[in-house]
Amino acid sequence: MAKASNKKPNAAFMKPVTPDAALAAVVGSDPLPRTEVTKKLWDYIKSNDLQNPSNKREIIADDKLKAVFDGRDKVTMFEMTKLVSNHVTS
């Protein structure tokens, strides 16, 4: 029988953050938990076919994402998380 975990979910990830104008153009302007911001970003990336087909970890920025990615044409999925943090307020 599996032992019940006493580990609580990380409250910091569940606390709603407010996107700035650049990020709001992609995920909407309503306050969202960071996990939901990331999910909406990935939905946007996939629905607009912005993943590099030869390197799935690389995201090719369209005009909306360039505003979030500090004007860069492409970023890795790991860089994206750091860059998005600059566009939210707690």
C-alpha atoms as a PDB file:
ATOM      1  CA  MET A   1       0.000   0.000   0.000  1.00  0.00           C
ATOM      2  CA  ALA A   2       1.361   3.420  -0.941  1.00  0.00           C
ATOM      3  CA  LYS A   3       2.244   5.759   1.878  1.00  0.00           C
ATOM      4  CA  ALA A   4       0.397   9.094   1.847  1.00  0.00           C
ATOM      5  CA  SER A   5       2.709  12.017   1.160  1.00  0.00           C
ATOM      6  CA  ASN A   6       2.904  14.854   3.664  1.00  0.00           C
ATOM      7  CA  LYS A   7       4.399  17.132   1.014  1.00  0.00           C
ATOM      8  CA  LYS A   8       2.284  20.220   0.359  1.00  0.00           C
ATOM      9  CA  PRO A   9       2.031  21.778  -3.109  1.00  0.00           C
ATOM     10  CA  ASN A  10       4.350  24.740  -3.589  1.00  0.00           C
ATOM     11  CA  ALA A  11       2.172  27.744  -2.746  1.00  0.00           C
ATOM     12  CA  ALA A  12       4.447  30.095  -4.701  1.00  0.00           C
ATOM     13  CA  PHE A  13       3.471  28.410  -7.972  1.00  0.00           C
ATOM     14  CA  MET A  14      -0.223  28.576  -7.116  1.00  0.00           C
ATOM     15  CA  LYS A  15      -0.232  32.256  -6.108  1.00  0.00           C
ATOM     16  CA  PRO A  16      -1.764  34.332  -8.914  1.00  0.00           C
ATOM     17  CA  VAL A  17       0.587  36.662 -10.792  1.00  0.00           C
ATOM     18  CA  THR A  18      -0.432  39.524 -13.061  1.00  0.00           C
ATOM     19  CA  PRO A  19       0.980  39.545 -16.616  1.00  0.00           C
ATOM     20  CA  ASP A  20       2.296  42.845 -18.010  1.00  0.00           C
ATOM     21  CA  ALA A  21       1.015  44.159 -21.363  1.00  0.00           C
ATOM     22  CA  ALA A  22       3.494  42.156 -23.475  1.00  0.00           C
ATOM     23  CA  LEU A  23       2.673  38.839 -21.802  1.00  0.00           C
ATOM     24  CA  ALA A  24      -1.046  39.663 -21.577  1.00  0.00           C
ATOM     25  CA  ALA A  25      -1.128  39.793 -25.395  1.00  0.00           C
ATOM     26  CA  VAL A  26      -0.386  36.047 -25.317  1.00  0.00           C
ATOM     27  CA  VAL A  27      -1.990  34.699 -22.113  1.00  0.00           C
ATOM     28  CA  GLY A  28      -4.627  37.324 -21.267  1.00  0.00           C
ATOM     29  CA  SER A  29      -4.573  40.013 -18.596  1.00  0.00           C
ATOM     30  CA  ASP A  30      -6.302  38.143 -15.740  1.00  0.00           C
ATOM     31  CA  PRO A  31      -4.155  37.161 -12.733  1.00  0.00           C
ATOM     32  CA  LEU A  32      -3.134  33.489 -13.068  1.00  0.00           C
ATOM     33  CA  PRO A  33      -0.923  31.030 -11.178  1.00  0.00           C
ATOM     34  CA  ARG A  34       2.537  30.672 -12.781  1.00  0.00           C
ATOM     35  CA  THR A  35       1.668  27.108 -13.776  1.00  0.00           C
ATOM     36  CA  GLU A  36      -1.334  28.380 -15.748  1.00  0.00           C
ATOM     37  CA  VAL A  37       0.749  31.145 -17.400  1.00  0.00           C
ATOM     38  CA  THR A  38       3.202  28.488 -18.601  1.00  0.00           C
ATOM     39  CA  LYS A  39       0.368  26.245 -19.807  1.00  0.00           C
ATOM     40  CA  LYS A  40      -1.238  29.092 -21.786  1.00  0.00           C
ATOM     41  CA  LEU A  41       2.144  30.019 -23.281  1.00  0.00           C
ATOM     42  CA  TRP A  42       2.644  26.451 -24.481  1.00  0.00           C
ATOM     43  CA  ASP A  43      -0.897  26.356 -25.879  1.00  0.00           C
ATOM     44  CA  TYR A  44      -0.087  29.527 -27.838  1.00  0.00           C
ATOM     45  CA  ILE A  45       3.274  28.167 -29.042  1.00  0.00           C
ATOM     46  CA  LYS A  46       1.751  24.876 -30.196  1.00  0.00           C
ATOM     47  CA  SER A  47      -1.348  26.393 -31.814  1.00  0.00           C
ATOM     48  CA  ASN A  48       0.833  28.817 -33.797  1.00  0.00           C
ATOM     49  CA  ASP A  49       3.423  26.138 -34.672  1.00  0.00           C
ATOM     50  CA  LEU A  50       6.303  28.071 -33.078  1.00  0.00           C
ATOM     51  CA  GLN A  51       8.474  25.135 -32.015  1.00  0.00           C
ATOM     52  CA  ASN A  52      11.567  24.523 -34.146  1.00  0.00           C
ATOM     53  CA  PRO A  53      10.751  21.210 -35.921  1.00  0.00           C
ATOM     54  CA  SER A  54      14.402  20.076 -35.833  1.00  0.00           C
ATOM     55  CA  ASN A  55      14.908  21.060 -32.154  1.00  0.00           C
ATOM     56  CA  LYS A  56      11.680  20.874 -30.135  1.00  0.00           C
ATOM     57  CA  ARG A  57      13.335  22.641 -27.168  1.00  0.00           C
ATOM     58  CA  GLU A  58      13.689  25.797 -29.243  1.00  0.00           C
ATOM     59  CA  ILE A  59      10.849  28.298 -29.595  1.00  0.00           C
ATOM     60  CA  ILE A  60      10.729  30.594 -32.600  1.00  0.00           C
ATOM     61  CA  ALA A  61       9.244  33.938 -31.565  1.00  0.00           C
ATOM     62  CA  ASP A  62       6.485  35.671 -33.498  1.00  0.00           C
ATOM     63  CA  ASP A  63       5.869  39.400 -32.916  1.00  0.00           C
ATOM     64  CA  LYS A  64       3.898  38.827 -29.688  1.00  0.00           C
ATOM     65  CA  LEU A  65       6.516  36.497 -28.231  1.00  0.00           C
ATOM     66  CA  LYS A  66       9.425  38.750 -29.252  1.00  0.00           C
ATOM     67  CA  ALA A  67       8.009  41.345 -26.851  1.00  0.00           C
ATOM     68  CA  VAL A  68       8.119  38.752 -24.058  1.00  0.00           C
ATOM     69  CA  PHE A  69      11.522  37.344 -25.124  1.00  0.00           C
ATOM     70  CA  ASP A  70      13.322  40.731 -25.005  1.00  0.00           C
ATOM     71  CA  GLY A  71      13.333  41.044 -28.799  1.00  0.00           C
ATOM     72  CA  ARG A  72      15.038  37.698 -29.401  1.00  0.00           C
ATOM     73  CA  ASP A  73      14.079  35.637 -32.455  1.00  0.00           C
ATOM     74  CA  LYS A  74      14.323  32.296 -30.663  1.00  0.00           C
ATOM     75  CA  VAL A  75      14.845  30.958 -27.158  1.00  0.00           C
ATOM     76  CA  THR A  76      15.039  27.541 -25.518  1.00  0.00           C
ATOM     77  CA  MET A  77      12.170  26.374 -23.333  1.00  0.00           C
ATOM     78  CA  PHE A  78      14.468  26.843 -20.321  1.00  0.00           C
ATOM     79  CA  GLU A  79      15.284  30.469 -21.245  1.00  0.00           C
ATOM     80  CA  MET A  80      11.579  31.115 -21.802  1.00  0.00           C
ATOM     81  CA  THR A  81      10.719  30.458 -18.146  1.00  0.00           C
ATOM     82  CA  LYS A  82      13.312  32.982 -16.974  1.00  0.00           C
ATOM     83  CA  LEU A  83      12.243  35.617 -19.522  1.00  0.00           C
ATOM     84  CA  VAL A  84       8.550  35.222 -18.640  1.00  0.00           C
ATOM     85  CA  SER A  85       9.373  35.906 -14.980  1.00  0.00           C
ATOM     86  CA  ASN A  86      10.342  39.447 -16.012  1.00  0.00           C
ATOM     87  CA  HIS A  87       6.789  40.022 -17.292  1.00  0.00           C
ATOM     88  CA  VAL A  88       4.731  39.118 -14.213  1.00  0.00           C
ATOM     89  CA  THR A  89       4.074  40.857 -10.917  1.00  0.00           C
ATOM     90  CA  SER A  90       3.000  39.088  -7.753  1.00  0.00           C
END
